[in-house]
Structures are given as structure tokens and as C-alpha cells.
N, C-alpha and C. Protein backbone atom coordinates (compact mmCIF):
# COMPACT_ATOMS: atom_id res chain seq x y z
N MET A 1 -5.48 -18.15 -0.03
CA MET A 1 -4.93 -17.47 -1.17
C MET A 1 -3.57 -16.84 -0.83
N ILE A 2 -3.47 -16.27 0.37
CA ILE A 2 -2.21 -15.65 0.79
C ILE A 2 -1.11 -16.70 0.82
N GLU A 3 -1.41 -17.86 1.39
CA GLU A 3 -0.41 -18.92 1.51
C GLU A 3 0.09 -19.36 0.13
N GLU A 4 -0.82 -19.51 -0.80
CA GLU A 4 -0.47 -19.94 -2.16
C GLU A 4 0.43 -18.90 -2.86
N TRP A 5 0.02 -17.64 -2.81
CA TRP A 5 0.79 -16.58 -3.47
C TRP A 5 2.10 -16.31 -2.75
N ASN A 6 2.11 -16.51 -1.44
CA ASN A 6 3.32 -16.24 -0.66
C ASN A 6 4.47 -17.16 -1.06
N LYS A 7 4.15 -18.31 -1.67
CA LYS A 7 5.19 -19.21 -2.17
C LYS A 7 5.87 -18.63 -3.40
N LYS A 8 5.15 -17.79 -4.16
CA LYS A 8 5.68 -17.20 -5.40
C LYS A 8 6.32 -15.83 -5.16
N ILE A 9 5.63 -15.01 -4.38
CA ILE A 9 6.12 -13.65 -4.11
C ILE A 9 5.95 -13.36 -2.62
N ASN A 10 6.64 -12.38 -2.11
CA ASN A 10 6.57 -12.05 -0.69
C ASN A 10 5.35 -11.17 -0.41
N ILE A 11 4.27 -11.80 0.03
CA ILE A 11 3.07 -11.06 0.44
C ILE A 11 3.21 -10.67 1.91
N THR A 12 3.64 -11.62 2.73
CA THR A 12 3.83 -11.38 4.16
C THR A 12 4.95 -12.27 4.68
N SER A 13 5.68 -11.79 5.66
CA SER A 13 6.73 -12.61 6.26
C SER A 13 6.14 -13.58 7.28
N ILE A 14 4.90 -13.36 7.66
CA ILE A 14 4.22 -14.24 8.61
C ILE A 14 3.68 -15.44 7.85
N LYS A 15 4.10 -16.63 8.23
CA LYS A 15 3.72 -17.85 7.51
C LYS A 15 2.66 -18.67 8.24
N ASN A 16 2.65 -18.60 9.58
CA ASN A 16 1.71 -19.36 10.38
C ASN A 16 0.30 -18.83 10.17
N GLN A 17 -0.64 -19.72 9.81
CA GLN A 17 -2.00 -19.29 9.46
C GLN A 17 -2.71 -18.58 10.60
N GLU A 18 -2.56 -19.08 11.83
CA GLU A 18 -3.19 -18.42 12.98
C GLU A 18 -2.63 -17.01 13.18
N GLU A 19 -1.31 -16.87 13.03
CA GLU A 19 -0.70 -15.56 13.17
C GLU A 19 -1.14 -14.60 12.06
N VAL A 20 -1.32 -15.12 10.84
CA VAL A 20 -1.82 -14.28 9.74
C VAL A 20 -3.19 -13.72 10.10
N VAL A 21 -4.04 -14.58 10.65
CA VAL A 21 -5.38 -14.14 11.05
C VAL A 21 -5.29 -13.06 12.13
N ILE A 22 -4.49 -13.31 13.15
CA ILE A 22 -4.40 -12.38 14.27
C ILE A 22 -3.68 -11.10 13.89
N LYS A 23 -2.50 -11.23 13.30
CA LYS A 23 -1.64 -10.06 13.07
C LYS A 23 -2.01 -9.27 11.81
N HIS A 24 -2.78 -9.85 10.92
CA HIS A 24 -3.18 -9.11 9.73
C HIS A 24 -4.69 -8.80 9.73
N PHE A 25 -5.50 -9.83 9.77
CA PHE A 25 -6.95 -9.60 9.64
C PHE A 25 -7.54 -8.91 10.87
N ILE A 26 -7.31 -9.47 12.05
CA ILE A 26 -7.88 -8.88 13.26
C ILE A 26 -7.29 -7.50 13.51
N ASP A 27 -5.98 -7.38 13.36
CA ASP A 27 -5.32 -6.09 13.55
C ASP A 27 -5.90 -5.03 12.60
N SER A 28 -6.16 -5.42 11.36
CA SER A 28 -6.73 -4.48 10.39
C SER A 28 -8.09 -3.96 10.82
N LEU A 29 -8.87 -4.80 11.45
CA LEU A 29 -10.23 -4.43 11.83
C LEU A 29 -10.31 -3.66 13.15
N LEU A 30 -9.24 -3.65 13.92
CA LEU A 30 -9.26 -2.96 15.21
C LEU A 30 -9.54 -1.47 15.07
N VAL A 31 -9.21 -0.89 13.95
CA VAL A 31 -9.46 0.53 13.74
C VAL A 31 -10.95 0.85 13.92
N LEU A 32 -11.81 -0.11 13.60
CA LEU A 32 -13.26 0.11 13.69
C LEU A 32 -13.74 0.29 15.12
N LYS A 33 -12.95 -0.15 16.09
CA LYS A 33 -13.31 0.07 17.50
C LYS A 33 -13.08 1.51 17.92
N HIS A 34 -12.29 2.25 17.14
CA HIS A 34 -11.87 3.58 17.54
C HIS A 34 -12.34 4.71 16.62
N VAL A 35 -12.63 4.37 15.38
CA VAL A 35 -12.94 5.39 14.38
C VAL A 35 -14.10 4.93 13.51
N TYR A 36 -15.03 5.83 13.25
CA TYR A 36 -16.11 5.55 12.30
C TYR A 36 -15.61 5.92 10.91
N LEU A 37 -15.46 4.93 10.05
CA LEU A 37 -14.99 5.18 8.68
C LEU A 37 -16.18 5.39 7.76
N PHE A 38 -16.00 6.26 6.78
CA PHE A 38 -17.04 6.51 5.78
C PHE A 38 -16.38 7.03 4.51
N GLY A 39 -17.12 7.01 3.44
CA GLY A 39 -16.67 7.65 2.21
C GLY A 39 -15.59 6.90 1.47
N ILE A 40 -14.62 7.67 0.99
CA ILE A 40 -13.55 7.16 0.13
C ILE A 40 -12.26 7.09 0.94
N ILE A 41 -11.63 5.91 0.91
CA ILE A 41 -10.46 5.66 1.75
C ILE A 41 -9.28 5.20 0.89
N ALA A 42 -8.10 5.72 1.19
CA ALA A 42 -6.87 5.26 0.55
C ALA A 42 -6.05 4.48 1.58
N ASP A 43 -5.75 3.23 1.25
CA ASP A 43 -4.85 2.41 2.06
C ASP A 43 -3.48 2.53 1.40
N ILE A 44 -2.62 3.34 2.00
CA ILE A 44 -1.32 3.65 1.40
C ILE A 44 -0.28 2.62 1.82
N GLY A 45 0.38 2.02 0.83
CA GLY A 45 1.36 0.97 1.10
C GLY A 45 0.69 -0.28 1.61
N THR A 46 -0.38 -0.67 0.96
CA THR A 46 -1.25 -1.74 1.44
C THR A 46 -0.59 -3.11 1.51
N GLY A 47 0.48 -3.35 0.75
CA GLY A 47 1.15 -4.65 0.79
C GLY A 47 0.21 -5.77 0.37
N GLY A 48 -0.12 -6.64 1.30
CA GLY A 48 -1.02 -7.76 1.02
C GLY A 48 -2.50 -7.39 1.13
N GLY A 49 -2.80 -6.09 1.17
CA GLY A 49 -4.20 -5.66 1.23
C GLY A 49 -4.68 -5.33 2.63
N PHE A 50 -3.75 -5.10 3.54
CA PHE A 50 -4.09 -4.83 4.93
C PHE A 50 -3.79 -3.38 5.27
N PRO A 51 -4.74 -2.67 5.81
CA PRO A 51 -6.04 -3.07 6.32
C PRO A 51 -7.19 -2.96 5.31
N GLY A 52 -6.93 -2.49 4.09
CA GLY A 52 -8.00 -2.16 3.16
C GLY A 52 -9.00 -3.26 2.83
N ILE A 53 -8.52 -4.45 2.51
CA ILE A 53 -9.44 -5.52 2.12
C ILE A 53 -10.30 -5.99 3.29
N PRO A 54 -9.75 -6.27 4.47
CA PRO A 54 -10.63 -6.63 5.59
C PRO A 54 -11.67 -5.54 5.91
N LEU A 55 -11.26 -4.26 5.85
CA LEU A 55 -12.22 -3.18 6.11
C LEU A 55 -13.33 -3.16 5.06
N LYS A 56 -12.98 -3.39 3.82
CA LYS A 56 -13.96 -3.41 2.74
C LYS A 56 -14.93 -4.59 2.90
N ILE A 57 -14.41 -5.73 3.31
CA ILE A 57 -15.26 -6.92 3.50
C ILE A 57 -16.32 -6.66 4.58
N VAL A 58 -15.91 -6.05 5.71
CA VAL A 58 -16.88 -5.84 6.79
C VAL A 58 -17.78 -4.63 6.55
N ASP A 59 -17.36 -3.70 5.67
CA ASP A 59 -18.21 -2.55 5.35
C ASP A 59 -18.18 -2.30 3.84
N PRO A 60 -19.04 -3.00 3.10
CA PRO A 60 -19.06 -2.88 1.64
C PRO A 60 -19.40 -1.47 1.14
N SER A 61 -19.95 -0.61 1.99
CA SER A 61 -20.31 0.74 1.54
C SER A 61 -19.09 1.63 1.34
N LEU A 62 -17.95 1.26 1.92
CA LEU A 62 -16.74 2.05 1.76
C LEU A 62 -16.23 1.94 0.33
N GLU A 63 -15.73 3.05 -0.21
CA GLU A 63 -15.02 3.00 -1.47
C GLU A 63 -13.53 2.99 -1.13
N MET A 64 -12.83 1.96 -1.56
CA MET A 64 -11.46 1.73 -1.11
C MET A 64 -10.49 1.79 -2.29
N PHE A 65 -9.38 2.49 -2.08
CA PHE A 65 -8.27 2.52 -3.03
C PHE A 65 -7.07 1.91 -2.33
N LEU A 66 -6.52 0.85 -2.90
CA LEU A 66 -5.34 0.21 -2.37
C LEU A 66 -4.14 0.71 -3.16
N ILE A 67 -3.25 1.43 -2.51
CA ILE A 67 -2.09 2.01 -3.18
C ILE A 67 -0.87 1.15 -2.85
N GLU A 68 -0.31 0.52 -3.89
CA GLU A 68 0.79 -0.42 -3.72
C GLU A 68 1.78 -0.28 -4.87
N PRO A 69 3.04 0.07 -4.56
CA PRO A 69 4.02 0.29 -5.64
C PRO A 69 4.57 -0.98 -6.29
N ILE A 70 4.52 -2.10 -5.61
CA ILE A 70 5.12 -3.33 -6.16
C ILE A 70 4.10 -4.06 -7.04
N ARG A 71 4.47 -4.22 -8.32
CA ARG A 71 3.56 -4.76 -9.33
C ARG A 71 3.03 -6.16 -8.96
N LYS A 72 3.89 -7.04 -8.49
CA LYS A 72 3.46 -8.40 -8.17
C LYS A 72 2.41 -8.39 -7.06
N ARG A 73 2.60 -7.54 -6.06
CA ARG A 73 1.60 -7.44 -4.99
C ARG A 73 0.30 -6.83 -5.53
N ALA A 74 0.43 -5.83 -6.40
CA ALA A 74 -0.77 -5.23 -6.99
C ALA A 74 -1.56 -6.28 -7.78
N ASN A 75 -0.86 -7.15 -8.49
CA ASN A 75 -1.54 -8.23 -9.23
C ASN A 75 -2.23 -9.19 -8.27
N PHE A 76 -1.57 -9.51 -7.17
CA PHE A 76 -2.18 -10.35 -6.14
C PHE A 76 -3.47 -9.69 -5.62
N LEU A 77 -3.42 -8.41 -5.33
CA LEU A 77 -4.59 -7.69 -4.81
C LEU A 77 -5.74 -7.74 -5.81
N ARG A 78 -5.45 -7.56 -7.08
CA ARG A 78 -6.51 -7.64 -8.11
C ARG A 78 -7.14 -9.03 -8.15
N THR A 79 -6.32 -10.06 -7.97
CA THR A 79 -6.83 -11.44 -7.94
C THR A 79 -7.74 -11.65 -6.74
N VAL A 80 -7.32 -11.18 -5.57
CA VAL A 80 -8.15 -11.31 -4.36
C VAL A 80 -9.48 -10.60 -4.56
N ILE A 81 -9.44 -9.38 -5.07
CA ILE A 81 -10.66 -8.59 -5.28
C ILE A 81 -11.60 -9.31 -6.23
N SER A 82 -11.05 -9.85 -7.30
CA SER A 82 -11.86 -10.58 -8.28
C SER A 82 -12.46 -11.84 -7.67
N ASN A 83 -11.63 -12.62 -6.97
CA ASN A 83 -12.11 -13.88 -6.36
C ASN A 83 -13.16 -13.65 -5.29
N LEU A 84 -13.06 -12.53 -4.58
CA LEU A 84 -14.03 -12.23 -3.53
C LEU A 84 -15.22 -11.42 -4.05
N CYS A 85 -15.20 -11.07 -5.34
CA CYS A 85 -16.27 -10.30 -5.98
C CYS A 85 -16.53 -8.97 -5.25
N LEU A 86 -15.45 -8.30 -4.83
CA LEU A 86 -15.59 -7.03 -4.13
C LEU A 86 -15.83 -5.92 -5.14
N LYS A 87 -16.69 -5.00 -4.80
CA LYS A 87 -17.02 -3.85 -5.65
C LYS A 87 -16.52 -2.57 -4.98
N LYS A 88 -16.37 -1.53 -5.79
CA LYS A 88 -15.91 -0.22 -5.30
C LYS A 88 -14.59 -0.33 -4.54
N ILE A 89 -13.66 -1.08 -5.14
CA ILE A 89 -12.31 -1.20 -4.59
C ILE A 89 -11.35 -1.22 -5.78
N THR A 90 -10.36 -0.33 -5.72
CA THR A 90 -9.45 -0.12 -6.84
C THR A 90 -8.02 -0.30 -6.37
N VAL A 91 -7.21 -0.92 -7.21
CA VAL A 91 -5.78 -1.05 -6.93
C VAL A 91 -5.05 -0.03 -7.79
N PHE A 92 -4.27 0.81 -7.16
CA PHE A 92 -3.39 1.74 -7.86
C PHE A 92 -1.97 1.20 -7.71
N ASN A 93 -1.39 0.73 -8.81
CA ASN A 93 -0.03 0.21 -8.79
C ASN A 93 0.93 1.37 -9.01
N GLY A 94 1.39 1.94 -7.91
CA GLY A 94 2.31 3.08 -7.96
C GLY A 94 2.51 3.61 -6.55
N ARG A 95 3.30 4.65 -6.49
CA ARG A 95 3.59 5.29 -5.21
C ARG A 95 2.53 6.34 -4.91
N ALA A 96 2.27 6.57 -3.65
CA ALA A 96 1.24 7.54 -3.24
C ALA A 96 1.51 8.91 -3.83
N GLU A 97 2.77 9.31 -3.88
CA GLU A 97 3.09 10.64 -4.40
C GLU A 97 2.83 10.77 -5.90
N ASN A 98 2.62 9.64 -6.59
CA ASN A 98 2.30 9.67 -8.02
C ASN A 98 0.81 9.52 -8.30
N PHE A 99 0.00 9.41 -7.26
CA PHE A 99 -1.45 9.32 -7.44
C PHE A 99 -1.94 10.67 -7.94
N LYS A 100 -2.61 10.69 -9.08
CA LYS A 100 -2.93 11.94 -9.77
C LYS A 100 -4.06 12.76 -9.13
N GLU A 101 -5.06 12.09 -8.60
CA GLU A 101 -6.23 12.80 -8.08
C GLU A 101 -5.94 13.33 -6.67
N LYS A 102 -5.91 14.63 -6.55
CA LYS A 102 -5.63 15.26 -5.25
C LYS A 102 -6.94 15.59 -4.55
N GLU A 103 -6.88 15.69 -3.23
CA GLU A 103 -8.04 16.01 -2.39
C GLU A 103 -9.24 15.12 -2.69
N LYS A 104 -8.99 13.83 -2.83
CA LYS A 104 -10.03 12.86 -3.19
C LYS A 104 -10.58 12.11 -1.97
N PHE A 105 -9.75 11.89 -0.96
CA PHE A 105 -10.08 10.92 0.08
C PHE A 105 -10.58 11.55 1.38
N ASP A 106 -11.54 10.86 2.00
CA ASP A 106 -12.02 11.24 3.33
C ASP A 106 -11.03 10.76 4.39
N PHE A 107 -10.39 9.61 4.13
CA PHE A 107 -9.42 9.02 5.05
C PHE A 107 -8.24 8.47 4.26
N THR A 108 -7.06 8.55 4.86
CA THR A 108 -5.93 7.72 4.44
C THR A 108 -5.57 6.88 5.65
N ILE A 109 -5.12 5.67 5.38
CA ILE A 109 -4.81 4.74 6.46
C ILE A 109 -3.57 3.96 6.08
N SER A 110 -2.78 3.59 7.08
CA SER A 110 -1.64 2.69 6.85
C SER A 110 -1.35 1.92 8.11
N ARG A 111 -0.72 0.77 7.90
CA ARG A 111 -0.24 -0.04 9.01
C ARG A 111 1.28 -0.10 8.91
N ALA A 112 1.95 0.63 9.77
CA ALA A 112 3.42 0.57 9.87
C ALA A 112 4.11 0.84 8.54
N LEU A 113 3.56 1.74 7.75
CA LEU A 113 4.15 2.08 6.44
C LEU A 113 5.50 2.76 6.61
N SER A 114 5.54 3.77 7.43
CA SER A 114 6.75 4.57 7.62
C SER A 114 6.56 5.34 8.91
N ASP A 115 7.43 6.31 9.14
CA ASP A 115 7.19 7.15 10.31
C ASP A 115 5.95 8.01 10.05
N ILE A 116 5.35 8.51 11.11
CA ILE A 116 4.08 9.24 10.99
C ILE A 116 4.24 10.51 10.16
N LYS A 117 5.36 11.20 10.28
CA LYS A 117 5.56 12.43 9.52
C LYS A 117 5.56 12.13 8.01
N THR A 118 6.28 11.11 7.60
CA THR A 118 6.31 10.73 6.18
C THR A 118 4.92 10.34 5.70
N PHE A 119 4.20 9.57 6.52
CA PHE A 119 2.84 9.18 6.16
C PHE A 119 1.96 10.42 5.99
N CYS A 120 2.10 11.39 6.88
CA CYS A 120 1.33 12.64 6.75
C CYS A 120 1.69 13.36 5.46
N GLU A 121 2.98 13.43 5.14
CA GLU A 121 3.41 14.12 3.92
C GLU A 121 2.85 13.44 2.67
N LEU A 122 2.77 12.11 2.68
CA LEU A 122 2.19 11.38 1.55
C LEU A 122 0.68 11.56 1.49
N SER A 123 0.05 11.61 2.65
CA SER A 123 -1.41 11.64 2.74
C SER A 123 -2.04 12.99 2.45
N ILE A 124 -1.46 14.05 2.96
CA ILE A 124 -2.11 15.36 2.94
C ILE A 124 -2.53 15.80 1.53
N PRO A 125 -1.69 15.63 0.50
CA PRO A 125 -2.16 16.04 -0.83
C PRO A 125 -3.36 15.23 -1.34
N LEU A 126 -3.53 14.03 -0.82
CA LEU A 126 -4.61 13.15 -1.28
C LEU A 126 -5.92 13.38 -0.53
N LEU A 127 -5.83 13.98 0.66
CA LEU A 127 -7.00 14.14 1.51
C LEU A 127 -7.85 15.33 1.11
N LYS A 128 -9.15 15.16 1.27
CA LYS A 128 -10.06 16.29 1.15
C LYS A 128 -9.76 17.26 2.30
N PRO A 129 -10.08 18.54 2.14
CA PRO A 129 -9.94 19.43 3.31
C PRO A 129 -10.76 18.84 4.47
N GLU A 130 -10.22 18.88 5.63
CA GLU A 130 -10.85 18.30 6.82
C GLU A 130 -10.84 16.77 6.80
N GLY A 131 -9.99 16.16 5.93
CA GLY A 131 -9.88 14.70 5.90
C GLY A 131 -9.08 14.18 7.09
N TYR A 132 -9.06 12.87 7.23
CA TYR A 132 -8.42 12.23 8.38
C TYR A 132 -7.35 11.25 7.94
N LEU A 133 -6.28 11.17 8.73
CA LEU A 133 -5.23 10.17 8.55
C LEU A 133 -5.32 9.20 9.71
N ILE A 134 -5.15 7.95 9.43
CA ILE A 134 -5.09 6.96 10.51
C ILE A 134 -3.79 6.18 10.33
N ALA A 135 -2.89 6.34 11.29
CA ALA A 135 -1.60 5.66 11.26
C ALA A 135 -1.62 4.59 12.34
N MET A 136 -1.63 3.35 11.92
CA MET A 136 -1.60 2.22 12.85
C MET A 136 -0.13 1.85 13.04
N LYS A 137 0.39 2.08 14.22
CA LYS A 137 1.81 1.95 14.48
C LYS A 137 2.08 1.00 15.63
N GLY A 138 3.35 0.68 15.81
CA GLY A 138 3.78 -0.09 16.98
C GLY A 138 3.85 0.82 18.19
N LYS A 139 4.50 0.33 19.23
CA LYS A 139 4.61 1.10 20.47
C LYS A 139 5.68 2.17 20.36
N ASN A 140 5.68 3.07 21.34
CA ASN A 140 6.73 4.07 21.53
C ASN A 140 6.92 4.99 20.33
N THR A 141 5.91 5.76 20.05
CA THR A 141 5.94 6.64 18.87
C THR A 141 5.98 8.12 19.24
N GLU A 142 6.35 8.44 20.47
CA GLU A 142 6.35 9.84 20.91
C GLU A 142 7.25 10.73 20.05
N LYS A 143 8.44 10.24 19.65
CA LYS A 143 9.33 11.03 18.80
C LYS A 143 8.68 11.32 17.45
N GLU A 144 7.97 10.34 16.92
CA GLU A 144 7.30 10.54 15.64
C GLU A 144 6.21 11.61 15.74
N ILE A 145 5.49 11.59 16.83
CA ILE A 145 4.44 12.58 17.04
C ILE A 145 5.04 13.98 17.18
N SER A 146 6.13 14.09 17.92
CA SER A 146 6.74 15.42 18.10
C SER A 146 7.29 15.96 16.78
N ALA A 147 7.67 15.10 15.85
CA ALA A 147 8.18 15.55 14.54
C ALA A 147 7.09 16.20 13.69
N LEU A 148 5.83 15.96 14.02
CA LEU A 148 4.74 16.57 13.25
C LEU A 148 4.70 18.08 13.41
N LYS A 149 5.25 18.59 14.49
CA LYS A 149 5.23 20.04 14.75
C LYS A 149 6.01 20.82 13.70
N SER A 150 6.96 20.18 13.04
CA SER A 150 7.79 20.88 12.05
C SER A 150 7.13 20.96 10.67
N MET A 151 5.98 20.35 10.51
CA MET A 151 5.33 20.35 9.20
C MET A 151 4.69 21.70 8.89
N GLU A 152 4.60 22.02 7.61
CA GLU A 152 3.99 23.28 7.16
C GLU A 152 2.49 23.13 6.98
N THR A 153 1.91 22.17 7.63
CA THR A 153 0.49 21.90 7.53
C THR A 153 -0.09 21.88 8.93
N LYS A 154 -1.26 22.40 9.06
CA LYS A 154 -1.92 22.34 10.36
C LYS A 154 -2.58 20.97 10.48
N ILE A 155 -2.15 20.23 11.47
CA ILE A 155 -2.79 18.95 11.74
C ILE A 155 -3.00 18.85 13.24
N LYS A 156 -3.87 18.00 13.61
CA LYS A 156 -4.19 17.83 15.02
C LYS A 156 -4.34 16.35 15.31
N VAL A 157 -3.61 15.87 16.31
CA VAL A 157 -3.79 14.49 16.73
C VAL A 157 -5.06 14.45 17.55
N ILE A 158 -6.07 13.78 17.01
CA ILE A 158 -7.37 13.72 17.66
C ILE A 158 -7.40 12.64 18.72
N LYS A 159 -6.84 11.51 18.39
CA LYS A 159 -6.95 10.39 19.31
C LYS A 159 -5.70 9.52 19.19
N LYS A 160 -5.15 9.19 20.31
CA LYS A 160 -4.08 8.21 20.36
C LYS A 160 -4.64 7.05 21.15
N SER A 161 -4.77 5.90 20.53
CA SER A 161 -5.40 4.76 21.17
C SER A 161 -4.41 3.62 21.31
N GLN A 162 -4.42 2.97 22.45
CA GLN A 162 -3.66 1.76 22.62
C GLN A 162 -4.66 0.62 22.63
N PHE A 163 -4.34 -0.45 21.91
CA PHE A 163 -5.31 -1.52 21.83
C PHE A 163 -4.63 -2.87 21.72
N ARG A 164 -5.38 -3.89 22.04
CA ARG A 164 -4.98 -5.28 21.87
C ARG A 164 -6.01 -5.93 20.97
N THR A 165 -5.62 -7.01 20.35
CA THR A 165 -6.55 -7.69 19.46
C THR A 165 -7.68 -8.35 20.24
N SER A 166 -7.38 -8.90 21.40
CA SER A 166 -8.39 -9.65 22.12
C SER A 166 -7.90 -9.92 23.53
N SER A 167 -8.84 -10.22 24.41
CA SER A 167 -8.41 -10.61 25.76
C SER A 167 -8.18 -12.11 25.83
N GLU A 168 -8.44 -12.81 24.74
CA GLU A 168 -8.22 -14.25 24.73
C GLU A 168 -6.73 -14.55 24.91
N LYS A 169 -6.43 -15.57 25.70
CA LYS A 169 -5.04 -15.90 25.99
C LYS A 169 -4.27 -16.27 24.73
N ARG A 170 -4.90 -16.95 23.78
CA ARG A 170 -4.16 -17.35 22.58
C ARG A 170 -3.72 -16.15 21.77
N CYS A 171 -4.49 -15.07 21.82
CA CYS A 171 -4.09 -13.85 21.12
C CYS A 171 -3.03 -13.10 21.90
N GLN A 172 -3.16 -13.08 23.21
CA GLN A 172 -2.24 -12.33 24.05
C GLN A 172 -0.79 -12.79 23.85
N LYS A 173 -0.60 -14.08 23.68
CA LYS A 173 0.77 -14.56 23.56
C LYS A 173 1.41 -14.16 22.22
N HIS A 174 0.59 -13.84 21.23
CA HIS A 174 1.12 -13.50 19.91
C HIS A 174 1.20 -12.00 19.66
N TYR A 175 0.57 -11.21 20.50
CA TYR A 175 0.35 -9.83 20.10
C TYR A 175 0.57 -8.87 21.25
N SER A 176 1.34 -7.84 21.02
CA SER A 176 1.56 -6.82 22.04
C SER A 176 0.75 -5.58 21.69
N PRO A 177 0.52 -4.70 22.63
CA PRO A 177 -0.29 -3.51 22.35
C PRO A 177 0.33 -2.67 21.24
N SER A 178 -0.51 -2.06 20.45
CA SER A 178 -0.06 -1.15 19.40
C SER A 178 -0.69 0.20 19.66
N GLU A 179 -0.25 1.19 18.92
CA GLU A 179 -0.84 2.51 19.04
C GLU A 179 -1.39 2.92 17.68
N MET A 180 -2.47 3.66 17.72
CA MET A 180 -3.08 4.16 16.51
C MET A 180 -3.26 5.65 16.67
N PHE A 181 -2.95 6.38 15.65
CA PHE A 181 -3.10 7.82 15.67
C PHE A 181 -4.15 8.22 14.66
N HIS A 182 -5.12 8.95 15.13
CA HIS A 182 -6.19 9.46 14.29
C HIS A 182 -5.91 10.95 14.19
N VAL A 183 -5.52 11.39 13.00
CA VAL A 183 -5.04 12.75 12.82
C VAL A 183 -5.96 13.48 11.87
N LYS A 184 -6.36 14.68 12.22
CA LYS A 184 -7.22 15.48 11.36
C LYS A 184 -6.37 16.50 10.61
N HIS A 185 -6.54 16.52 9.30
CA HIS A 185 -5.88 17.49 8.44
C HIS A 185 -6.76 18.72 8.42
N LEU A 186 -6.30 19.79 9.02
CA LEU A 186 -7.14 20.98 9.13
C LEU A 186 -7.08 21.83 7.87
N ASN A 187 -5.91 22.24 7.47
CA ASN A 187 -5.74 22.93 6.19
C ASN A 187 -4.26 23.10 5.91
N ILE A 188 -3.94 23.34 4.65
CA ILE A 188 -2.55 23.49 4.26
C ILE A 188 -2.17 24.95 4.40
N VAL A 189 -1.06 25.21 5.06
CA VAL A 189 -0.58 26.57 5.20
C VAL A 189 0.11 26.94 3.89
N SER A 190 -0.30 28.03 3.30
CA SER A 190 0.25 28.45 2.01
C SER A 190 1.72 28.79 2.13
N LYS A 191 2.49 28.38 1.14
CA LYS A 191 3.91 28.71 1.11
C LYS A 191 4.15 30.04 0.44
N HIS A 192 3.11 30.64 -0.13
CA HIS A 192 3.25 31.90 -0.87
C HIS A 192 3.10 33.10 0.05
């Protein structure tokens, strides 16, 4: 389905089918090796549905919200959800900052959406108190982590994990280690 839609609109810049599997599907599921997900999750800037749709497929008990500002991609996501008969998964066609329901989510997650500070700023209003952010990023993110100290919100980096998709040689040649940050939103410091 990705290949077909990718001819009409830009779902992913990765065209090779094996690379799509490794760099999108497997990468999306790696979070499960490091974090136990539960409850209601927002995938912010989901693009082609990564990591939200693969996570939903492997754990149907999750309630998933895919937040995507580009209408054509949002339509693609609705088609995928319908074709796969997925339940308890919603597409919000808009920006995260325009999502009306505040303090709704147990987790927010993204894959390389933006810098970690911006992702935190988008996520915190959406998270329940004591909710978690998961930022799946590339390598060398120390500057991004240090920028979190300037935020007016108490957050704590719980886990910084480095991971690979697989020890298989065919995966190794396509994929370099990434970093994932599991951040706990403790509470918002009042500006008043």
C-alpha cells in the first residue's frame, strides 16, 4: 500500500521495499524492547503512520491517535486503518498544538519529528500528569538533551537507550545505531 500511494504523494523518501521494512516497521517496533506501552498514545507527526500503526498492529489493546498535519497523508492513514480493520485508532488531521483535548495521553511518541525540546513543548499539554514522552532520534543528541533544562516544566530523562534493529548482517549494512529518550513529565511549573 505504501508503494502504491508513494507514487501519488510523498509518504516516505525510502523506496526500496527491504529498507522500508527495516527503517520504518522494525525501527517503529524497537521501542517495545525498552518501554512498556499502555493506555492512550499520541504519535505526533506520524507521517506514513510510523511508529503508531506498527505499534497498534502488535498490541491491539493500545488506543492510538495519529497526529498528522498534511491532509493527503492523513487520508492515506485512514485508508490503511480501514484496509487493516484496525480499531481504537484515530487520525487527527492537524498540528499537535491544535489538538483540543488536553491531558489526554499516557504517552506521546515521535520518530525524528523535531528537536527534543520542541517535541516536549508539543507533547506536554497533551500528556496526562505523570505521562511519558518517547523521542526516537538519531545519534548525537546531547545538545538537544541539555536544552531541556531551560524549559518551564519539570521533566526527567528516565532512559537513554542506544539500539540497533538486528544483529543480522543484512540489517547492519542498512542501519546505524539510534538513540531513544524516554522522558517523564512530572508536572508543569505554574507561570503565575
